[in-house]
């Protein structure tokens, strides 16, 4: 079916596309603000606030059982 202007789906498709573009733009702005805050923190010498990887954490003085003497 076609609408009066000859398009297949009319305004509903345009509304969905506009909503998707709005959500993507909002997510992009939030990501940019987060990255700017991270960069400011690095310049100020603050510690990174993320939890990080468990494997990268130092072990608390536990002995190494690798067989080295």
C-alpha atoms as a PDB file:
ATOM      1  CA  UNK A   1       0.000   0.000   0.000  1.00  0.00           C
ATOM      2  CA  UNK A   2       1.156   3.511  -0.706  1.00  0.00           C
ATOM      3  CA  UNK A   3       0.281   6.742   1.010  1.00  0.00           C
ATOM      4  CA  UNK A   4      -0.844   9.945  -0.695  1.00  0.00           C
ATOM      5  CA  UNK A   5       2.724  11.121  -1.291  1.00  0.00           C
ATOM      6  CA  UNK A   6       3.711   7.819  -2.943  1.00  0.00           C
ATOM      7  CA  UNK A   7       5.899   6.467  -0.159  1.00  0.00           C
ATOM      8  CA  UNK A   8       5.525   2.901   0.953  1.00  0.00           C
ATOM      9  CA  UNK A   9       5.314   3.365   4.713  1.00  0.00           C
ATOM     10  CA  UNK A  10       4.857   7.092   5.195  1.00  0.00           C
ATOM     11  CA  UNK A  11       5.523   8.879   8.469  1.00  0.00           C
ATOM     12  CA  UNK A  12       5.885   5.812  10.684  1.00  0.00           C
ATOM     13  CA  UNK A  13       9.185   4.861   9.081  1.00  0.00           C
ATOM     14  CA  UNK A  14      10.500   8.404   9.343  1.00  0.00           C
ATOM     15  CA  UNK A  15       9.487   8.599  13.009  1.00  0.00           C
ATOM     16  CA  UNK A  16      11.267   5.330  13.812  1.00  0.00           C
ATOM     17  CA  UNK A  17      14.403   6.481  12.006  1.00  0.00           C
ATOM     18  CA  UNK A  18      14.365   9.842  13.773  1.00  0.00           C
ATOM     19  CA  UNK A  19      13.907   8.147  17.160  1.00  0.00           C
ATOM     20  CA  UNK A  20      16.812   5.772  16.462  1.00  0.00           C
ATOM     21  CA  UNK A  21      19.049   8.664  15.412  1.00  0.00           C
ATOM     22  CA  UNK A  22      18.077  10.582  18.560  1.00  0.00           C
ATOM     23  CA  UNK A  23      18.939   7.612  20.806  1.00  0.00           C
ATOM     24  CA  UNK A  24      22.271   7.081  19.036  1.00  0.00           C
ATOM     25  CA  UNK A  25      23.148  10.769  19.372  1.00  0.00           C
ATOM     26  CA  UNK A  26      22.298  10.686  23.085  1.00  0.00           C
ATOM     27  CA  UNK A  27      24.453   7.593  23.638  1.00  0.00           C
ATOM     28  CA  UNK A  28      27.303   9.249  21.736  1.00  0.00           C
ATOM     29  CA  UNK A  29      27.072  12.377  23.912  1.00  0.00           C
ATOM     30  CA  UNK A  30      27.106  10.292  27.111  1.00  0.00           C
ATOM     31  CA  UNK A  31      30.133   8.334  25.889  1.00  0.00           C
ATOM     32  CA  UNK A  32      31.953  11.542  24.983  1.00  0.00           C
ATOM     33  CA  UNK A  33      31.275  13.041  28.421  1.00  0.00           C
ATOM     34  CA  UNK A  34      32.550   9.865  30.100  1.00  0.00           C
ATOM     35  CA  UNK A  35      35.744   9.859  28.026  1.00  0.00           C
ATOM     36  CA  UNK A  36      36.349  13.547  28.725  1.00  0.00           C
ATOM     37  CA  UNK A  37      35.970  12.900  32.466  1.00  0.00           C
ATOM     38  CA  UNK A  38      38.466  10.029  32.216  1.00  0.00           C
ATOM     39  CA  UNK A  39      40.956  12.227  30.383  1.00  0.00           C
ATOM     40  CA  UNK A  40      40.589  15.009  32.971  1.00  0.00           C
ATOM     41  CA  UNK A  41      41.139  12.473  35.743  1.00  0.00           C
ATOM     42  CA  UNK A  42      44.307  11.197  34.115  1.00  0.00           C
ATOM     43  CA  UNK A  43      45.654  14.726  33.717  1.00  0.00           C
ATOM     44  CA  UNK A  44      44.863  15.451  37.375  1.00  0.00           C
ATOM     45  CA  UNK A  45      46.644  12.269  38.444  1.00  0.00           C
ATOM     46  CA  UNK A  46      43.569  10.652  39.966  1.00  0.00           C
ATOM     47  CA  UNK A  47      43.265   6.886  40.167  1.00  0.00           C
ATOM     48  CA  UNK A  48      41.069   5.137  37.633  1.00  0.00           C
ATOM     49  CA  UNK A  49      37.636   4.427  39.141  1.00  0.00           C
ATOM     50  CA  UNK A  50      36.909   1.211  37.228  1.00  0.00           C
ATOM     51  CA  UNK A  51      37.241  -2.186  38.928  1.00  0.00           C
ATOM     52  CA  UNK A  52      39.568  -3.606  36.288  1.00  0.00           C
ATOM     53  CA  UNK A  53      40.514  -7.209  35.660  1.00  0.00           C
ATOM     54  CA  UNK A  54      40.894  -9.650  38.522  1.00  0.00           C
ATOM     55  CA  UNK A  55      44.016 -11.135  36.910  1.00  0.00           C
ATOM     56  CA  UNK A  56      45.728  -7.744  36.917  1.00  0.00           C
ATOM     57  CA  UNK A  57      45.361  -7.274  40.684  1.00  0.00           C
ATOM     58  CA  UNK A  58      48.455  -7.992  42.759  1.00  0.00           C
ATOM     59  CA  UNK A  59      48.205 -11.077  44.903  1.00  0.00           C
ATOM     60  CA  UNK A  60      48.455 -10.417  48.623  1.00  0.00           C
ATOM     61  CA  UNK A  61      51.887 -11.913  49.298  1.00  0.00           C
ATOM     62  CA  UNK A  62      50.838 -15.422  48.381  1.00  0.00           C
ATOM     63  CA  UNK A  63      53.660 -17.822  47.603  1.00  0.00           C
ATOM     64  CA  UNK A  64      54.392 -18.751  44.019  1.00  0.00           C
ATOM     65  CA  UNK A  65      54.062 -22.487  43.401  1.00  0.00           C
ATOM     66  CA  UNK A  66      55.854 -22.429  40.056  1.00  0.00           C
ATOM     67  CA  UNK A  67      58.695 -24.707  41.282  1.00  0.00           C
ATOM     68  CA  UNK A  68      61.391 -22.024  41.305  1.00  0.00           C
ATOM     69  CA  UNK A  69      63.805 -22.015  44.245  1.00  0.00           C
END
